[in-house]
N, C-alpha and C. Protein backbone atom coordinates (compact mmCIF):
# COMPACT_ATOMS: atom_id res chain seq x y z
N UNK A 1 122.10 118.95 114.50
CA UNK A 1 120.98 119.38 115.40
C UNK A 1 119.90 120.01 114.65
N UNK A 2 118.62 119.43 114.66
CA UNK A 2 117.59 119.92 113.96
C UNK A 2 116.52 119.92 114.91
N UNK A 3 115.53 121.02 114.80
CA UNK A 3 114.37 121.16 115.42
C UNK A 3 113.17 121.77 114.53
N UNK A 4 112.17 121.28 114.81
CA UNK A 4 111.00 121.78 114.04
C UNK A 4 110.34 122.85 114.68
N UNK A 5 109.88 123.94 114.13
CA UNK A 5 109.09 125.01 114.50
C UNK A 5 107.90 125.38 113.75
N UNK A 6 106.64 125.15 114.20
CA UNK A 6 105.54 125.45 113.36
C UNK A 6 105.08 127.00 113.43
N UNK A 7 105.20 127.76 112.24
CA UNK A 7 104.90 129.24 112.06
C UNK A 7 103.35 129.58 112.08
N UNK A 8 103.01 130.71 112.20
CA UNK A 8 101.63 130.90 112.30
C UNK A 8 100.77 130.51 110.99
N UNK A 9 101.52 130.70 109.81
CA UNK A 9 100.53 130.36 108.84
C UNK A 9 100.65 129.08 108.15
N UNK A 10 100.72 128.01 109.10
CA UNK A 10 100.36 126.64 109.22
C UNK A 10 101.46 126.25 108.15
N UNK A 11 102.58 126.90 107.74
CA UNK A 11 103.82 126.42 106.89
C UNK A 11 104.79 125.86 108.08
N UNK A 12 105.65 125.01 107.73
CA UNK A 12 106.64 124.78 108.38
C UNK A 12 108.01 124.98 108.27
N UNK A 13 108.73 125.08 109.28
CA UNK A 13 110.00 125.73 109.20
C UNK A 13 110.87 124.60 109.67
N UNK A 14 112.18 124.66 109.37
CA UNK A 14 112.99 123.61 110.04
C UNK A 14 114.38 124.56 110.39
N UNK A 15 114.93 124.32 111.56
CA UNK A 15 116.25 125.00 111.91
C UNK A 15 117.29 124.16 111.84
N UNK A 16 118.38 124.53 110.90
CA UNK A 16 119.18 123.52 110.82
C UNK A 16 120.81 124.19 110.86
N UNK A 17 121.62 123.70 111.83
CA UNK A 17 122.85 124.29 112.09
C UNK A 17 123.84 123.76 111.12
N UNK A 18 124.60 124.68 110.03
CA UNK A 18 125.30 124.49 108.97
C UNK A 18 126.77 125.00 109.58
N UNK A 19 127.76 124.21 109.21
CA UNK A 19 129.23 124.79 109.74
C UNK A 19 129.67 125.86 108.59
N UNK A 20 130.35 126.83 109.11
CA UNK A 20 130.74 127.98 108.58
C UNK A 20 132.48 127.74 108.17
N UNK A 21 132.75 127.65 106.89
CA UNK A 21 134.18 127.57 106.69
C UNK A 21 135.16 128.72 106.01
N UNK A 22 134.44 129.60 105.80
CA UNK A 22 135.25 130.89 105.33
C UNK A 22 134.46 132.38 105.96
N UNK A 23 135.25 133.16 105.54
CA UNK A 23 134.79 134.70 106.16
C UNK A 23 133.72 135.07 105.31
N UNK A 24 133.84 134.70 103.93
CA UNK A 24 132.48 134.84 103.02
C UNK A 24 131.28 134.42 103.21
N UNK A 25 131.27 133.07 103.96
CA UNK A 25 130.00 132.41 104.50
C UNK A 25 129.63 133.09 105.83
N UNK A 26 130.72 133.87 106.45
CA UNK A 26 130.20 134.27 107.79
C UNK A 26 129.48 135.63 107.37
N UNK A 27 129.92 136.35 106.39
CA UNK A 27 129.68 137.72 106.19
C UNK A 27 128.13 137.32 105.56
N UNK A 28 127.98 136.47 104.52
CA UNK A 28 126.69 136.16 104.00
C UNK A 28 125.60 135.72 105.05
N UNK A 29 125.94 134.96 106.02
CA UNK A 29 125.05 134.66 107.27
C UNK A 29 124.44 135.96 107.93
N UNK A 30 125.69 136.60 108.34
CA UNK A 30 125.21 137.88 109.13
C UNK A 30 124.32 139.03 108.10
N UNK A 31 124.40 138.79 106.80
CA UNK A 31 123.69 139.60 105.69
C UNK A 31 122.19 139.22 105.73
N UNK A 32 122.06 137.69 106.05
CA UNK A 32 120.84 137.08 105.75
C UNK A 32 120.17 137.25 107.14
N UNK A 33 120.77 137.54 108.32
CA UNK A 33 120.15 137.42 109.53
C UNK A 33 120.03 136.39 110.41
N UNK A 34 121.06 135.20 109.83
CA UNK A 34 121.11 134.11 110.43
C UNK A 34 121.62 133.97 111.73
N UNK A 35 120.96 133.53 112.74
CA UNK A 35 121.82 133.25 114.07
C UNK A 35 123.13 132.51 114.08
N UNK A 36 124.18 133.44 114.59
CA UNK A 36 125.62 132.67 114.67
C UNK A 36 125.88 131.75 116.17
N UNK A 37 126.51 130.75 116.08
CA UNK A 37 126.82 130.05 117.53
C UNK A 37 128.19 130.13 117.66
N UNK A 38 128.47 129.90 119.02
CA UNK A 38 130.01 130.13 119.39
C UNK A 38 130.82 128.86 118.87
N UNK A 39 130.38 127.85 118.32
CA UNK A 39 131.02 126.73 117.86
C UNK A 39 131.23 126.80 116.28
N UNK A 40 131.07 127.96 115.72
CA UNK A 40 131.29 128.34 114.13
C UNK A 40 130.37 127.76 113.41
N UNK A 41 129.18 127.60 113.78
CA UNK A 41 128.02 127.19 112.98
C UNK A 41 127.22 128.19 112.99
N UNK A 42 126.25 128.36 111.90
CA UNK A 42 125.16 129.14 111.71
C UNK A 42 123.92 128.40 111.61
N UNK A 43 122.99 128.97 112.27
CA UNK A 43 121.39 128.58 112.04
C UNK A 43 120.68 129.08 111.08
N UNK A 44 120.37 127.99 110.12
CA UNK A 44 119.60 128.57 108.85
C UNK A 44 117.97 128.06 109.00
N UNK A 45 116.99 128.86 108.32
CA UNK A 45 115.72 128.54 108.41
C UNK A 45 115.17 128.27 107.47
N UNK A 46 114.81 127.02 107.04
CA UNK A 46 114.12 126.77 105.34
C UNK A 46 112.82 126.30 105.93
N UNK A 47 112.28 126.86 104.89
CA UNK A 47 110.79 126.15 104.98
C UNK A 47 110.79 124.70 104.25
N UNK A 48 109.87 123.97 104.89
CA UNK A 48 109.65 122.53 104.34
C UNK A 48 108.26 122.57 103.81
N UNK A 49 108.08 121.60 102.70
CA UNK A 49 106.88 121.57 101.76
C UNK A 49 105.72 120.92 102.93
N UNK A 50 104.35 121.46 102.41
CA UNK A 50 103.43 121.32 103.32
C UNK A 50 102.60 119.85 102.71
N UNK A 51 101.85 119.37 103.59
CA UNK A 51 101.28 118.17 103.03
C UNK A 51 99.83 118.39 102.47
N UNK A 52 99.45 118.23 101.61
CA UNK A 52 98.16 118.52 100.65
C UNK A 52 97.06 117.33 101.03
N UNK A 53 97.70 116.23 101.18
CA UNK A 53 96.82 114.85 101.18
C UNK A 53 97.53 113.63 101.99
N UNK A 54 96.65 113.21 103.02
CA UNK A 54 97.49 111.87 103.07
C UNK A 54 96.30 110.74 103.35
N UNK A 55 96.50 109.68 102.65
CA UNK A 55 95.31 108.91 102.75
C UNK A 55 96.00 107.55 102.98
N UNK A 56 95.10 106.54 103.71
CA UNK A 56 95.79 105.10 103.94
C UNK A 56 94.95 104.26 103.30
N UNK A 57 95.48 102.77 103.20
CA UNK A 57 94.64 101.88 102.73
C UNK A 57 93.50 101.35 103.62
N UNK A 58 92.56 100.56 103.01
CA UNK A 58 91.52 100.27 103.89
C UNK A 58 92.09 98.81 104.67
N UNK A 59 91.54 98.79 106.04
CA UNK A 59 92.22 97.87 106.80
C UNK A 59 91.73 96.42 106.48
N UNK A 60 90.27 96.27 106.14
CA UNK A 60 90.17 94.74 106.03
C UNK A 60 90.91 94.25 104.62
N UNK A 61 91.06 95.04 103.59
CA UNK A 61 91.86 94.73 102.52
C UNK A 61 92.97 94.47 102.62
N UNK A 62 93.83 95.22 103.71
CA UNK A 62 95.18 95.34 103.96
C UNK A 62 95.48 95.31 105.59
N UNK A 63 96.00 94.22 105.81
CA UNK A 63 96.25 94.16 107.48
C UNK A 63 97.05 95.18 107.85
N UNK A 64 98.09 95.74 107.23
CA UNK A 64 98.93 96.69 107.55
C UNK A 64 98.84 97.71 106.72
N UNK A 65 98.00 98.75 107.22
CA UNK A 65 97.56 100.07 106.21
C UNK A 65 98.69 100.87 105.76
N UNK A 66 98.93 101.01 104.45
CA UNK A 66 100.11 101.81 103.90
C UNK A 66 99.42 103.30 103.74
N UNK A 67 100.32 104.23 103.33
CA UNK A 67 99.81 105.73 103.13
C UNK A 67 100.26 106.27 101.86
N UNK A 68 99.58 107.17 101.43
CA UNK A 68 100.14 108.02 100.07
C UNK A 68 100.14 109.25 100.70
N UNK A 69 101.20 109.94 100.51
CA UNK A 69 101.39 111.50 101.24
C UNK A 69 101.70 112.22 100.02
N UNK A 70 101.12 113.37 99.55
CA UNK A 70 101.14 114.35 98.67
C UNK A 70 101.60 115.46 99.27
N UNK A 71 102.74 116.06 99.00
CA UNK A 71 103.00 117.41 99.16
C UNK A 71 103.41 118.30 98.07
N UNK A 72 103.88 119.56 98.43
CA UNK A 72 104.14 120.36 97.40
C UNK A 72 105.43 119.85 96.36
N UNK A 73 106.12 119.36 96.75
CA UNK A 73 107.16 118.84 95.92
C UNK A 73 107.30 117.24 95.57
N UNK A 74 106.69 116.43 96.50
CA UNK A 74 106.92 114.87 96.18
C UNK A 74 105.70 114.25 96.36
N UNK A 75 105.85 113.21 96.04
CA UNK A 75 104.62 111.99 96.43
C UNK A 75 105.38 111.00 96.99
N UNK A 76 104.93 110.41 98.28
CA UNK A 76 105.45 109.41 98.89
C UNK A 76 104.45 108.23 99.04
N UNK A 77 104.97 106.90 98.94
CA UNK A 77 104.22 105.88 99.32
C UNK A 77 104.86 105.21 100.49
N UNK A 78 104.22 105.04 101.57
CA UNK A 78 104.84 104.34 102.76
C UNK A 78 103.88 103.00 102.92
N UNK A 79 104.94 102.17 102.73
CA UNK A 79 104.62 100.61 102.96
C UNK A 79 104.69 100.03 104.20
N UNK A 80 103.79 99.89 105.15
CA UNK A 80 104.19 99.37 106.24
C UNK A 80 104.07 97.80 106.54
N UNK A 81 105.07 97.22 107.12
CA UNK A 81 105.14 96.00 107.36
C UNK A 81 105.17 95.49 108.73
N UNK A 82 105.08 94.07 109.11
CA UNK A 82 104.65 93.54 110.31
C UNK A 82 106.24 94.05 111.29
N UNK A 83 105.70 94.10 112.58
CA UNK A 83 106.71 94.33 113.46
C UNK A 83 107.31 95.99 113.37
N UNK A 84 106.15 96.87 112.86
CA UNK A 84 106.66 98.30 112.83
C UNK A 84 107.55 98.77 111.75
N UNK A 85 108.00 97.77 110.84
CA UNK A 85 108.89 98.08 109.86
C UNK A 85 108.12 98.94 108.72
N UNK A 86 108.81 99.78 107.92
CA UNK A 86 108.13 100.23 106.70
C UNK A 86 109.06 100.55 105.48
N UNK A 87 108.79 100.60 104.44
CA UNK A 87 109.33 101.00 103.21
C UNK A 87 108.59 102.32 102.66
N UNK A 88 109.69 103.36 102.37
CA UNK A 88 108.93 104.80 102.00
C UNK A 88 109.64 104.80 100.50
N UNK A 89 108.71 105.21 99.50
CA UNK A 89 109.50 105.21 98.14
C UNK A 89 108.89 106.62 97.81
N UNK A 90 109.78 107.44 97.15
CA UNK A 90 109.23 108.86 97.02
C UNK A 90 109.67 109.17 95.34
N UNK A 91 108.75 109.80 94.70
CA UNK A 91 108.69 110.62 93.47
C UNK A 91 108.73 111.93 93.55
N UNK A 92 109.58 112.93 92.98
CA UNK A 92 109.41 114.40 93.21
C UNK A 92 108.36 114.68 91.91
N UNK A 93 107.56 115.93 92.26
CA UNK A 93 106.50 116.22 91.35
C UNK A 93 106.83 116.25 89.88
N UNK A 94 107.93 116.96 89.77
CA UNK A 94 108.65 117.22 88.57
C UNK A 94 108.95 116.11 87.64
N UNK A 95 109.02 114.93 88.29
CA UNK A 95 109.31 113.72 87.59
C UNK A 95 108.48 112.84 87.29
N UNK A 96 107.27 113.18 87.77
CA UNK A 96 105.96 112.29 87.42
C UNK A 96 105.53 112.46 86.03
N UNK A 97 105.48 111.52 85.36
CA UNK A 97 104.89 111.34 84.09
C UNK A 97 103.39 110.85 83.88
N UNK A 98 102.95 110.25 84.86
CA UNK A 98 101.72 109.61 84.48
C UNK A 98 101.00 109.28 86.07
N UNK A 99 99.98 109.52 86.14
CA UNK A 99 99.14 108.91 87.44
C UNK A 99 97.94 108.49 86.93
N UNK A 100 97.66 106.77 87.23
CA UNK A 100 96.71 106.06 86.72
C UNK A 100 95.88 105.47 87.80
N UNK A 101 94.32 105.62 87.84
CA UNK A 101 93.48 105.05 89.04
C UNK A 101 92.97 103.93 88.36
N UNK A 102 92.87 102.67 88.86
CA UNK A 102 92.01 101.56 88.57
C UNK A 102 91.23 101.34 89.74
N UNK A 103 90.05 100.62 89.41
CA UNK A 103 89.14 100.50 90.36
C UNK A 103 88.12 99.15 90.04
N UNK A 104 87.83 98.66 91.56
CA UNK A 104 86.89 97.44 91.31
C UNK A 104 85.76 98.00 92.19
N UNK A 105 84.79 97.05 92.13
CA UNK A 105 83.53 97.44 93.20
C UNK A 105 83.86 97.77 94.33
N UNK A 106 85.01 97.22 95.11
CA UNK A 106 85.39 97.30 96.44
C UNK A 106 86.42 98.42 96.72
N UNK A 107 87.37 98.62 95.99
CA UNK A 107 88.56 99.15 96.27
C UNK A 107 89.19 99.89 94.73
N UNK A 108 90.20 100.44 95.25
CA UNK A 108 90.62 101.28 93.87
C UNK A 108 92.34 101.10 94.12
N UNK A 109 93.06 101.33 93.21
CA UNK A 109 94.45 101.25 93.10
C UNK A 109 95.02 102.61 92.45
N UNK A 110 95.98 103.00 92.72
CA UNK A 110 96.85 104.24 92.06
C UNK A 110 98.34 103.82 91.86
N UNK A 111 98.76 104.21 90.39
CA UNK A 111 99.94 103.77 90.02
C UNK A 111 100.54 105.17 89.52
N UNK A 112 101.87 105.50 90.07
CA UNK A 112 102.32 106.79 89.81
C UNK A 112 103.74 106.37 88.93
N UNK A 113 103.90 106.78 87.55
CA UNK A 113 105.01 106.65 87.12
C UNK A 113 105.92 107.79 86.91
N UNK A 114 107.04 107.53 87.08
CA UNK A 114 108.10 108.62 87.06
C UNK A 114 109.41 108.39 87.00
N UNK A 115 110.31 109.14 86.65
CA UNK A 115 111.77 109.07 86.62
C UNK A 115 112.53 108.06 87.72
N UNK A 116 113.27 107.27 87.31
CA UNK A 116 114.47 106.40 88.21
C UNK A 116 115.32 107.26 88.95
N UNK A 117 115.53 106.95 90.23
CA UNK A 117 116.14 107.57 91.14
C UNK A 117 117.61 107.03 90.94
N UNK A 118 118.77 107.76 90.24
CA UNK A 118 119.91 107.17 89.83
C UNK A 118 121.24 107.54 90.77
N UNK A 119 120.77 108.07 91.91
CA UNK A 119 121.73 108.47 93.00
C UNK A 119 122.24 109.94 93.00
N UNK A 120 123.00 110.43 93.65
CA UNK A 120 123.43 111.62 93.82
C UNK A 120 124.73 111.85 92.89
N UNK A 121 124.95 113.16 92.27
CA UNK A 121 126.03 113.30 91.24
C UNK A 121 127.49 112.68 92.09
N UNK A 122 128.37 112.18 91.52
CA UNK A 122 129.32 111.80 92.00
C UNK A 122 129.37 110.35 92.80
N UNK A 123 128.06 110.27 93.11
CA UNK A 123 127.84 108.76 94.23
C UNK A 123 128.00 107.55 93.23
N UNK A 124 128.56 106.65 93.72
CA UNK A 124 128.45 105.28 93.51
C UNK A 124 127.41 104.61 93.73
N UNK A 125 126.56 104.30 92.74
CA UNK A 125 125.38 103.41 93.04
C UNK A 125 125.48 101.92 92.85
N UNK A 126 124.82 101.43 93.58
CA UNK A 126 124.55 99.69 93.34
C UNK A 126 123.26 99.79 92.85
N UNK A 127 123.21 98.53 92.34
CA UNK A 127 121.81 97.87 91.80
C UNK A 127 120.85 98.15 93.00
N UNK A 128 121.01 97.83 94.36
CA UNK A 128 120.17 97.92 95.32
C UNK A 128 119.56 99.25 95.70
N UNK A 129 120.11 100.45 95.49
CA UNK A 129 119.36 101.62 95.88
C UNK A 129 118.94 102.20 94.58
N UNK A 130 118.51 101.50 93.32
CA UNK A 130 118.08 102.44 92.28
C UNK A 130 116.56 101.87 92.30
N UNK A 131 115.58 102.99 92.38
CA UNK A 131 114.23 102.42 92.27
C UNK A 131 113.67 102.21 90.86
N UNK A 132 113.13 101.15 90.74
CA UNK A 132 112.62 100.57 89.54
C UNK A 132 111.26 100.61 89.57
N UNK A 133 110.54 100.78 88.73
CA UNK A 133 109.19 100.93 88.39
C UNK A 133 108.30 101.91 88.90
N UNK A 134 107.12 101.85 88.77
CA UNK A 134 106.29 102.89 89.30
C UNK A 134 105.82 102.63 90.82
N UNK A 135 105.35 103.85 91.47
CA UNK A 135 104.96 103.81 92.70
C UNK A 135 103.50 103.02 92.64
N UNK A 136 103.06 102.09 93.43
CA UNK A 136 101.80 101.42 93.37
C UNK A 136 101.28 101.39 94.77
N UNK A 137 100.09 101.58 94.84
CA UNK A 137 99.18 101.39 96.06
C UNK A 137 97.59 101.04 95.99
N UNK A 138 97.61 99.85 96.52
CA UNK A 138 96.26 99.28 96.29
C UNK A 138 95.14 99.33 97.52
N UNK A 139 93.85 98.73 97.35
CA UNK A 139 93.14 98.90 98.62
C UNK A 139 92.64 100.35 99.32
N UNK A 140 92.64 101.25 98.17
CA UNK A 140 92.31 102.50 98.80
C UNK A 140 90.83 102.73 98.24
N UNK A 141 90.17 103.53 99.11
CA UNK A 141 88.73 104.10 98.54
C UNK A 141 88.87 104.76 97.42
N UNK A 142 87.61 104.52 96.47
CA UNK A 142 87.64 105.01 95.21
C UNK A 142 87.72 106.36 94.86
N UNK A 143 86.94 107.29 95.69
CA UNK A 143 87.06 108.66 95.84
C UNK A 143 88.12 109.21 96.42
N UNK A 144 89.28 108.54 97.29
CA UNK A 144 90.38 108.94 97.87
C UNK A 144 91.41 108.88 96.40
N UNK A 145 91.37 107.93 95.85
CA UNK A 145 92.34 107.54 94.98
C UNK A 145 92.05 108.40 93.73
N UNK A 146 90.67 108.76 93.28
CA UNK A 146 90.70 110.09 92.25
C UNK A 146 90.73 110.98 92.83
N UNK A 147 90.58 111.47 94.06
CA UNK A 147 91.01 113.08 94.53
C UNK A 147 92.56 113.09 94.45
N UNK A 148 93.35 112.04 94.77
CA UNK A 148 94.59 111.79 94.87
C UNK A 148 95.35 112.10 93.49
N UNK A 149 94.78 111.37 92.65
CA UNK A 149 94.99 111.53 91.00
C UNK A 149 95.04 113.18 90.56
N UNK A 150 93.75 113.55 90.97
CA UNK A 150 93.56 115.15 90.44
C UNK A 150 94.29 116.00 91.08
N UNK A 151 94.88 116.09 92.48
CA UNK A 151 95.84 116.76 93.08
C UNK A 151 97.20 116.49 92.56
N UNK A 152 97.53 115.28 92.33
CA UNK A 152 99.01 115.11 91.71
C UNK A 152 99.12 115.68 90.52
N UNK A 153 98.14 115.38 89.52
CA UNK A 153 98.08 116.01 88.07
C UNK A 153 98.05 117.67 88.21
N UNK A 154 97.31 118.17 89.13
CA UNK A 154 97.39 119.46 89.21
C UNK A 154 98.70 120.08 89.71
N UNK A 155 99.39 119.45 90.70
CA UNK A 155 100.87 119.94 91.11
C UNK A 155 101.77 119.64 89.75
N UNK A 156 101.37 118.65 89.27
CA UNK A 156 102.48 118.45 87.62
C UNK A 156 102.22 119.80 86.88
N UNK A 157 101.07 120.18 86.69
CA UNK A 157 100.68 121.13 85.91
C UNK A 157 101.29 122.40 86.35
N UNK A 158 101.10 122.78 87.70
CA UNK A 158 101.82 124.01 88.42
C UNK A 158 103.35 123.92 88.26
N UNK A 159 103.86 122.78 88.59
CA UNK A 159 105.44 122.60 88.49
C UNK A 159 105.73 122.86 86.96
N UNK A 160 104.90 122.46 85.98
CA UNK A 160 105.45 122.69 84.48
C UNK A 160 105.62 124.20 84.35
N UNK A 161 104.51 125.01 84.92
CA UNK A 161 104.19 126.05 84.72
C UNK A 161 104.97 127.23 85.62
N UNK A 162 106.13 126.30 86.60
CA UNK A 162 106.92 127.09 87.52
C UNK A 162 105.92 128.20 88.42
N UNK A 163 104.92 127.72 88.88
CA UNK A 163 103.98 128.42 89.72
C UNK A 163 104.77 128.28 91.21
N UNK A 164 104.72 129.54 91.98
CA UNK A 164 105.31 129.49 93.33
C UNK A 164 104.47 128.97 94.20
N UNK A 165 104.11 127.75 94.87
CA UNK A 165 103.22 127.45 95.54
C UNK A 165 103.25 127.88 97.04
N UNK A 166 104.41 128.30 97.51
CA UNK A 166 104.72 128.47 98.80
C UNK A 166 103.97 129.85 99.09
N UNK A 167 103.53 130.67 98.28
CA UNK A 167 102.86 131.87 98.67
C UNK A 167 101.28 131.25 98.73
N UNK A 168 100.81 130.46 98.47
CA UNK A 168 99.43 130.25 98.50
C UNK A 168 98.93 129.51 99.79
N UNK A 169 97.76 129.82 100.58
CA UNK A 169 97.39 129.05 101.63
C UNK A 169 96.93 127.59 101.36
N UNK A 170 97.50 126.82 102.21
CA UNK A 170 97.36 125.40 101.99
C UNK A 170 95.74 124.92 101.36
N UNK A 171 94.91 125.48 102.14
CA UNK A 171 93.22 124.96 101.49
C UNK A 171 93.37 125.58 99.75
N UNK A 172 93.70 126.71 99.48
CA UNK A 172 93.49 127.28 98.15
C UNK A 172 94.42 126.50 97.27
N UNK A 173 95.68 126.08 97.79
CA UNK A 173 96.62 125.33 96.91
C UNK A 173 96.00 124.00 96.60
N UNK A 174 95.46 123.38 97.70
CA UNK A 174 94.79 122.02 97.33
C UNK A 174 93.46 122.11 96.54
N UNK A 175 92.81 123.00 96.48
CA UNK A 175 91.65 123.35 95.79
C UNK A 175 92.08 123.77 94.36
N UNK A 176 93.14 124.48 93.85
CA UNK A 176 93.61 125.01 92.71
C UNK A 176 93.82 123.63 92.22
N UNK A 177 94.94 123.15 93.01
CA UNK A 177 95.69 121.80 92.16
C UNK A 177 94.50 120.66 91.75
N UNK A 178 93.40 120.58 92.74
CA UNK A 178 92.41 119.61 92.33
C UNK A 178 91.67 120.19 91.11
N UNK A 179 91.32 121.41 90.79
CA UNK A 179 90.58 121.91 90.10
C UNK A 179 91.40 121.75 88.46
N UNK A 180 92.68 122.03 88.42
CA UNK A 180 93.72 121.63 87.42
C UNK A 180 93.55 120.37 87.25
N UNK A 181 93.83 119.44 88.17
CA UNK A 181 93.97 118.18 87.89
C UNK A 181 92.76 117.46 87.23
N UNK A 182 91.66 117.97 87.51
CA UNK A 182 90.21 117.73 86.92
C UNK A 182 90.29 117.88 85.57
N UNK A 183 90.58 118.93 85.12
CA UNK A 183 90.72 119.36 83.66
C UNK A 183 91.81 118.24 82.91
N UNK A 184 92.67 117.79 83.23
CA UNK A 184 93.55 116.95 82.55
C UNK A 184 93.37 115.61 82.57
């Protein structure tokens, strides 16, 4: 069971029920102030990453607009397909190695290169669920693609410097990431 709650600082919190398996976990939950339920679960509140930027491809150039979503910890490309289906590809900011923007007179494309997803520890992975190659999105507005690159590069710098972005207001975080990315 999971429900979303929006807090005053425009940060989003997610409440999740987690099973309690031992008395130590029960004591830890009480010490943290988490709410206990009768069925042996504890409600834990965790902050989720905030979106800094969301852009979509141009309609005349792309009949099913795709999206690029940049948040504090990851970059996602959502590829929309006919009949309401979509493919979501994600890279963590800490795994991104390069962001390139190429442009034509009418549009721009962004390519985000990073580490390949190899699965979770102990999980057997097949070749189908291993992400190969960079994230690529075309038919973007030139200024939006350039801004996305600056913000992503700024977030990479912040991640490498171990900056705690959760303490910054969203507008200031976006401005600072863009300024840092402009320098790189």
